[in-house]
Amino acid sequence: MPWPEKRRLSGSAKEKKTLGEGLFKKCEGCDDTIETETLAANFEVCPSCAHHHKLAPGRWRDLLLDEGKLEEWDARLTACDPLEFSDGKTYPARLAAAQRNTGANDAIETGLAHLDGRPIAYGAFLFSFMGGSMGSVVGEKIARLFERAADHRLPVVLLQASGGARMQEGILSLMQMAKAVGAQERHRAKGLPFISVLLHPTTGGVAASFAFLGDVNIAEPKALIGFAGARVIETTIRQKLPEGFQRAEFLLDHGLVDRIVARGDMRREFATILAHLGTHTSREVASA
């Protein structure tokens, strides 16, 4: 008996099959199907269960910054390949692919912005760029962010979402932890505020260095925050970890973060904190 022939889709059938693509998205929190327009209008927060999906850098600017404007600093910095690293694909090739896909030179954007009329030094990790990993460019831009903020008496607001240090740069990526912390400490020595915002996920070398050093540490609901993975910790200590370990709510209960703030409330929360902490900003702020 011959096998039945596979019927080819007609043009109209193909159109029906692809009609819904991109129009709907399944929520990672409750599995509800939501219109992408509805989700985008709500800054990627599910209207049913309030699950916070990842938000693109441009949308963070729209949410937090006055008129969504950022005067970017050090945008032209790009990584080199001193280790000539290859894991089946060369590091320059991976960088080029990430740059094409994201339109950014590396995994963080920094610059001068205004929040509720107040000038701030602003930084935001791009998780879509190699998992928000911290290499030499990310570390340098964070150090310069704090240095410029110290020079011009600006508060720093830094949004973090990172898988940790960038393995393709080896020890050079780990050196960025100390460099960034040193710059942050010099900023703090001038009595200037630092609001650290821990998004999902904030892990590895970022969590182990400056992420928890804010004057106020704010986390998104249910964000994964920690250094090593849960399975690595369980294997090391040979114990079962408690429920919700390394989630924002667990960290709040144990004093590692100060507040959990829903995405839609963040702008108001930051404005209130900065108004209380207060700064005296110089009249001129360096451009990129």
Protein backbone atom coordinates (compact mmCIF):
# COMPACT_ATOMS: atom_id res chain seq x y z
CA MET A 1 0.00 0.00 0.00
CA PRO A 2 1.56 3.33 -1.03
CA TRP A 3 2.19 5.98 1.59
CA PRO A 4 -0.28 8.85 1.44
CA GLU A 5 1.17 11.89 -0.23
CA LYS A 6 1.88 14.88 1.96
CA ARG A 7 -0.44 17.67 0.95
CA ARG A 8 1.15 21.01 0.32
CA LEU A 9 -0.38 24.04 1.98
CA SER A 10 -2.07 26.40 -0.38
CA GLY A 11 -1.22 30.09 -0.23
CA SER A 12 -4.33 30.86 1.84
CA ALA A 13 -3.59 27.99 4.25
CA LYS A 14 -0.05 29.24 4.76
CA GLU A 15 -1.39 32.69 5.52
CA LYS A 16 -3.78 31.25 8.12
CA LYS A 17 -0.96 29.29 9.74
CA THR A 18 1.24 32.37 10.14
CA LEU A 19 -1.53 34.86 10.85
CA GLY A 20 -1.15 34.63 14.63
CA GLU A 21 2.64 34.63 14.72
CA GLY A 22 3.92 37.64 16.65
CA LEU A 23 0.43 38.74 17.69
CA PHE A 24 0.30 36.72 20.90
CA LYS A 25 2.73 35.63 23.61
CA LYS A 26 2.40 32.97 26.28
CA CYS A 27 3.09 34.28 29.78
CA GLU A 28 5.97 32.51 31.49
CA GLY A 29 4.23 32.94 34.84
CA CYS A 30 0.65 31.76 34.30
CA ASP A 31 0.66 30.33 30.73
CA ASP A 32 -2.05 32.76 29.67
CA THR A 33 -1.98 33.83 26.04
CA ILE A 34 -1.70 37.61 25.86
CA GLU A 35 -1.76 39.98 22.93
CA THR A 36 1.75 41.32 22.36
CA GLU A 37 0.37 44.86 22.09
CA THR A 38 -1.24 44.54 25.53
CA LEU A 39 1.98 43.19 27.00
CA ALA A 40 4.07 45.93 25.39
CA ALA A 41 1.72 48.65 26.65
CA ASN A 42 2.17 47.22 30.16
CA PHE A 43 5.99 47.20 29.82
CA GLU A 44 6.07 43.40 29.51
CA VAL A 45 4.26 42.75 32.80
CA CYS A 46 1.48 40.16 32.58
CA PRO A 47 -1.91 41.76 33.34
CA SER A 48 -3.19 38.44 34.75
CA CYS A 49 -0.42 37.31 37.15
CA ALA A 50 1.97 40.33 37.17
CA HIS A 51 4.87 38.19 35.95
CA HIS A 52 7.73 40.42 34.80
CA HIS A 53 9.13 39.41 31.40
CA LYS A 54 12.41 40.83 30.09
CA LEU A 55 12.21 44.42 28.91
CA ALA A 56 14.33 45.85 26.09
CA PRO A 57 16.73 48.73 26.93
CA GLY A 58 14.75 51.24 24.87
CA ARG A 59 11.60 50.42 26.79
CA TRP A 60 13.45 50.83 30.11
CA ARG A 61 14.41 54.31 28.96
CA ASP A 62 10.77 55.04 28.10
CA LEU A 63 9.68 53.80 31.51
CA LEU A 64 12.24 55.53 33.73
CA LEU A 65 13.81 58.52 32.01
CA ASP A 66 12.33 61.91 31.27
CA GLU A 67 11.17 61.80 27.63
CA GLY A 68 13.00 58.48 27.36
CA LYS A 69 16.22 60.36 26.57
CA LEU A 70 19.75 59.17 27.32
CA GLU A 71 22.91 61.07 26.37
CA GLU A 72 25.07 58.01 25.95
CA TRP A 73 28.64 57.79 27.21
CA ASP A 74 31.43 55.64 25.74
CA ALA A 75 29.14 54.11 23.13
CA ARG A 76 32.05 53.37 20.79
CA LEU A 77 33.99 51.12 23.18
CA THR A 78 34.33 47.60 21.78
CA ALA A 79 36.05 44.48 23.08
CA CYS A 80 39.27 43.06 21.66
CA ASP A 81 40.45 39.44 21.78
CA PRO A 82 43.78 39.34 23.69
CA LEU A 83 43.34 35.65 24.57
CA GLU A 84 42.45 34.64 20.99
CA PHE A 85 39.67 32.60 22.54
CA SER A 86 37.68 30.02 20.60
CA ASP A 87 35.10 27.50 21.78
CA GLY A 88 34.19 26.22 18.37
CA LYS A 89 33.50 29.79 17.33
CA THR A 90 35.94 32.65 17.72
CA TYR A 91 35.26 35.43 20.22
CA PRO A 92 35.28 38.15 17.51
CA ALA A 93 32.66 36.15 15.60
CA ARG A 94 30.45 35.91 18.69
CA LEU A 95 30.84 39.63 19.33
CA ALA A 96 29.95 40.47 15.75
CA ALA A 97 26.83 38.30 15.92
CA ALA A 98 25.72 39.90 19.19
CA GLN A 99 26.33 43.38 17.77
CA ARG A 100 24.25 42.58 14.68
CA ASN A 101 21.40 41.13 16.72
CA THR A 102 21.22 43.90 19.33
CA GLY A 103 22.52 47.00 17.55
CA ALA A 104 24.81 47.65 20.55
CA ASN A 105 28.58 47.43 20.86
CA ASP A 106 28.49 45.56 24.17
CA ALA A 107 26.30 44.45 27.05
CA ILE A 108 25.66 47.77 28.80
CA GLU A 109 24.56 51.29 27.97
CA THR A 110 25.53 54.23 30.19
CA GLY A 111 25.04 57.95 30.07
CA LEU A 112 23.52 61.14 31.38
CA ALA A 113 19.75 61.21 31.85
CA HIS A 114 17.07 62.95 33.86
CA LEU A 115 14.57 61.34 36.16
CA ASP A 116 11.74 63.56 37.35
CA GLY A 117 13.83 66.58 36.36
CA ARG A 118 16.88 65.42 38.33
CA PRO A 119 20.12 64.66 36.41
CA ILE A 120 21.42 61.15 37.00
CA ALA A 121 24.21 58.89 35.78
CA TYR A 122 22.30 55.97 34.31
CA GLY A 123 23.36 52.49 33.31
CA ALA A 124 21.44 49.44 32.09
CA PHE A 125 22.69 45.98 31.19
CA LEU A 126 21.61 44.41 27.88
CA PHE A 127 20.89 40.77 28.68
CA SER A 128 20.29 40.08 25.00
CA PHE A 129 24.00 40.79 24.37
CA MET A 130 25.77 37.54 25.31
CA GLY A 131 23.65 37.13 28.42
CA GLY A 132 24.62 40.52 29.80
CA SER A 133 28.06 39.10 30.56
CA MET A 134 30.66 41.44 32.02
CA GLY A 135 33.86 41.70 30.04
CA SER A 136 36.45 44.45 29.82
CA VAL A 137 34.13 46.89 28.03
CA VAL A 138 31.29 46.47 30.53
CA GLY A 139 33.67 46.85 33.47
CA GLU A 140 35.29 49.92 31.94
CA LYS A 141 31.96 51.58 31.21
CA ILE A 142 30.73 50.95 34.76
CA ALA A 143 33.96 52.36 36.21
CA ARG A 144 33.65 55.45 34.00
CA LEU A 145 29.99 55.78 34.94
CA PHE A 146 30.88 56.09 38.63
CA GLU A 147 33.90 58.30 37.93
CA ARG A 148 31.89 60.79 35.87
CA ALA A 149 29.13 60.72 38.46
CA ALA A 150 31.67 61.48 41.20
CA ASP A 151 33.22 64.34 39.22
CA HIS A 152 29.84 65.98 38.59
CA ARG A 153 28.13 65.00 41.84
CA LEU A 154 25.50 62.85 40.18
CA PRO A 155 23.55 59.97 41.73
CA VAL A 156 23.91 56.64 39.94
CA VAL A 157 20.99 54.42 38.92
CA LEU A 158 22.24 51.09 37.56
CA LEU A 159 19.97 48.32 36.24
CA GLN A 160 21.61 44.90 36.27
CA ALA A 161 20.67 41.72 34.41
CA SER A 162 23.66 39.48 33.84
CA GLY A 163 24.86 35.92 33.69
CA GLY A 164 28.17 37.01 35.24
CA ALA A 165 31.71 37.36 33.97
CA ARG A 166 32.42 36.76 30.27
CA MET A 167 34.30 33.50 29.93
CA GLN A 168 35.82 34.45 26.57
CA GLU A 169 37.96 37.06 28.37
CA GLY A 170 39.07 34.81 31.22
CA ILE A 171 40.87 36.55 34.09
CA LEU A 172 40.47 39.91 32.34
CA SER A 173 36.73 39.73 32.92
CA LEU A 174 37.21 38.88 36.61
CA MET A 175 39.46 41.94 37.02
CA GLN A 176 36.46 44.15 36.18
CA MET A 177 34.85 43.25 39.50
CA ALA A 178 37.55 44.98 41.53
CA LYS A 179 37.85 47.89 39.11
CA ALA A 180 34.14 48.65 39.16
CA VAL A 181 33.91 48.33 42.94
CA GLY A 182 36.87 50.69 43.37
CA ALA A 183 35.17 53.34 41.23
CA GLN A 184 31.92 52.83 43.12
CA GLU A 185 33.68 53.31 46.46
CA ARG A 186 35.22 56.60 45.29
CA HIS A 187 31.73 57.73 44.27
CA ARG A 188 30.37 56.77 47.70
CA ALA A 189 33.24 58.58 49.48
CA LYS A 190 31.82 61.83 48.08
CA GLY A 191 28.50 61.15 49.76
CA LEU A 192 26.65 60.47 46.50
CA PRO A 193 23.78 57.98 46.25
CA PHE A 194 23.80 54.75 44.27
CA ILE A 195 20.53 52.95 43.53
CA SER A 196 21.26 49.36 42.52
CA VAL A 197 18.44 47.65 40.63
CA LEU A 198 18.58 43.85 40.44
CA LEU A 199 16.58 42.46 37.54
CA HIS A 200 16.06 38.88 36.40
CA PRO A 201 18.64 37.38 36.40
CA THR A 202 21.50 39.03 38.32
CA THR A 203 24.17 36.39 38.90
CA GLY A 204 27.86 35.53 38.87
CA GLY A 205 30.53 38.20 39.01
CA VAL A 206 28.04 41.07 38.82
CA ALA A 207 26.17 39.81 41.89
CA ALA A 208 29.49 39.13 43.63
CA SER A 209 30.82 42.67 43.18
CA PHE A 210 28.85 45.93 42.90
CA ALA A 211 25.24 44.69 42.59
CA PHE A 212 24.68 44.56 46.35
CA LEU A 213 26.67 47.71 47.17
CA GLY A 214 23.92 50.21 46.51
CA ASP A 215 22.79 52.66 49.15
CA VAL A 216 19.41 51.19 48.26
CA ASN A 217 19.18 47.75 46.64
CA ILE A 218 15.93 47.26 44.73
CA ALA A 219 14.78 44.03 43.08
CA GLU A 220 12.01 43.13 40.68
CA PRO A 221 9.44 40.57 41.87
CA LYS A 222 10.63 36.96 41.63
CA ALA A 223 13.96 37.95 40.06
CA LEU A 224 16.68 35.30 40.21
CA ILE A 225 19.58 36.83 42.14
CA GLY A 226 22.69 35.05 43.35
CA PHE A 227 26.27 34.03 42.66
CA ALA A 228 26.44 30.32 41.80
CA GLY A 229 23.61 28.17 40.49
CA ALA A 230 21.40 26.35 42.97
CA ARG A 231 22.54 22.89 41.82
CA VAL A 232 26.20 23.86 42.27
CA ILE A 233 25.49 25.08 45.80
CA GLU A 234 23.52 21.95 46.70
CA THR A 235 26.34 19.75 45.41
CA THR A 236 28.93 21.75 47.36
CA ILE A 237 27.15 21.88 50.72
CA ARG A 238 25.30 18.56 50.25
CA GLN A 239 22.04 20.02 51.45
CA LYS A 240 18.68 20.71 49.88
CA LEU A 241 18.14 24.45 49.48
CA PRO A 242 14.96 26.05 50.85
CA GLU A 243 12.01 26.85 48.61
CA GLY A 244 12.44 30.10 46.69
CA PHE A 245 16.18 30.27 47.37
CA GLN A 246 17.89 33.04 45.31
CA ARG A 247 14.58 34.69 44.45
CA ALA A 248 14.02 38.35 45.28
CA GLU A 249 11.45 37.58 47.98
CA PHE A 250 13.84 35.21 49.78
CA LEU A 251 16.61 37.81 49.65
CA LEU A 252 14.29 40.48 51.04
CA ASP A 253 13.36 38.25 53.98
CA HIS A 254 17.07 37.72 54.70
CA GLY A 255 18.11 41.36 54.43
CA LEU A 256 20.06 41.22 51.16
CA VAL A 257 17.77 43.61 49.28
CA ASP A 258 15.92 46.60 50.68
CA ARG A 259 12.76 46.61 48.60
CA ILE A 260 10.92 44.69 45.91
CA VAL A 261 9.33 47.12 43.49
CA ALA A 262 6.98 46.31 40.63
CA ARG A 263 8.16 47.63 37.30
CA GLY A 264 5.34 50.12 36.93
CA ASP A 265 6.20 51.72 40.29
CA MET A 266 9.94 52.04 39.77
CA ARG A 267 10.08 55.55 38.34
CA ARG A 268 8.09 56.97 41.24
CA GLU A 269 10.13 54.94 43.74
CA PHE A 270 13.47 56.16 42.33
CA ALA A 271 12.31 59.77 42.30
CA THR A 272 11.27 59.52 45.95
CA ILE A 273 14.56 57.93 47.01
CA LEU A 274 16.67 60.50 45.16
CA ALA A 275 14.63 63.35 46.62
CA HIS A 276 15.26 62.02 50.13
CA LEU A 277 18.97 61.32 49.64
CA GLY A 278 19.57 64.57 47.74
CA THR A 279 22.59 65.71 45.72
CA HIS A 280 24.11 68.98 44.58
CA THR A 281 24.97 68.58 40.91
CA SER A 282 27.55 70.60 39.01
CA ARG A 283 26.12 72.80 36.27
CA GLU A 284 28.03 71.18 33.43
CA VAL A 285 28.20 67.46 32.87
CA ALA A 286 30.73 65.88 30.53
CA SER A 287 29.40 64.54 27.25
CA ALA A 288 30.51 61.29 25.68
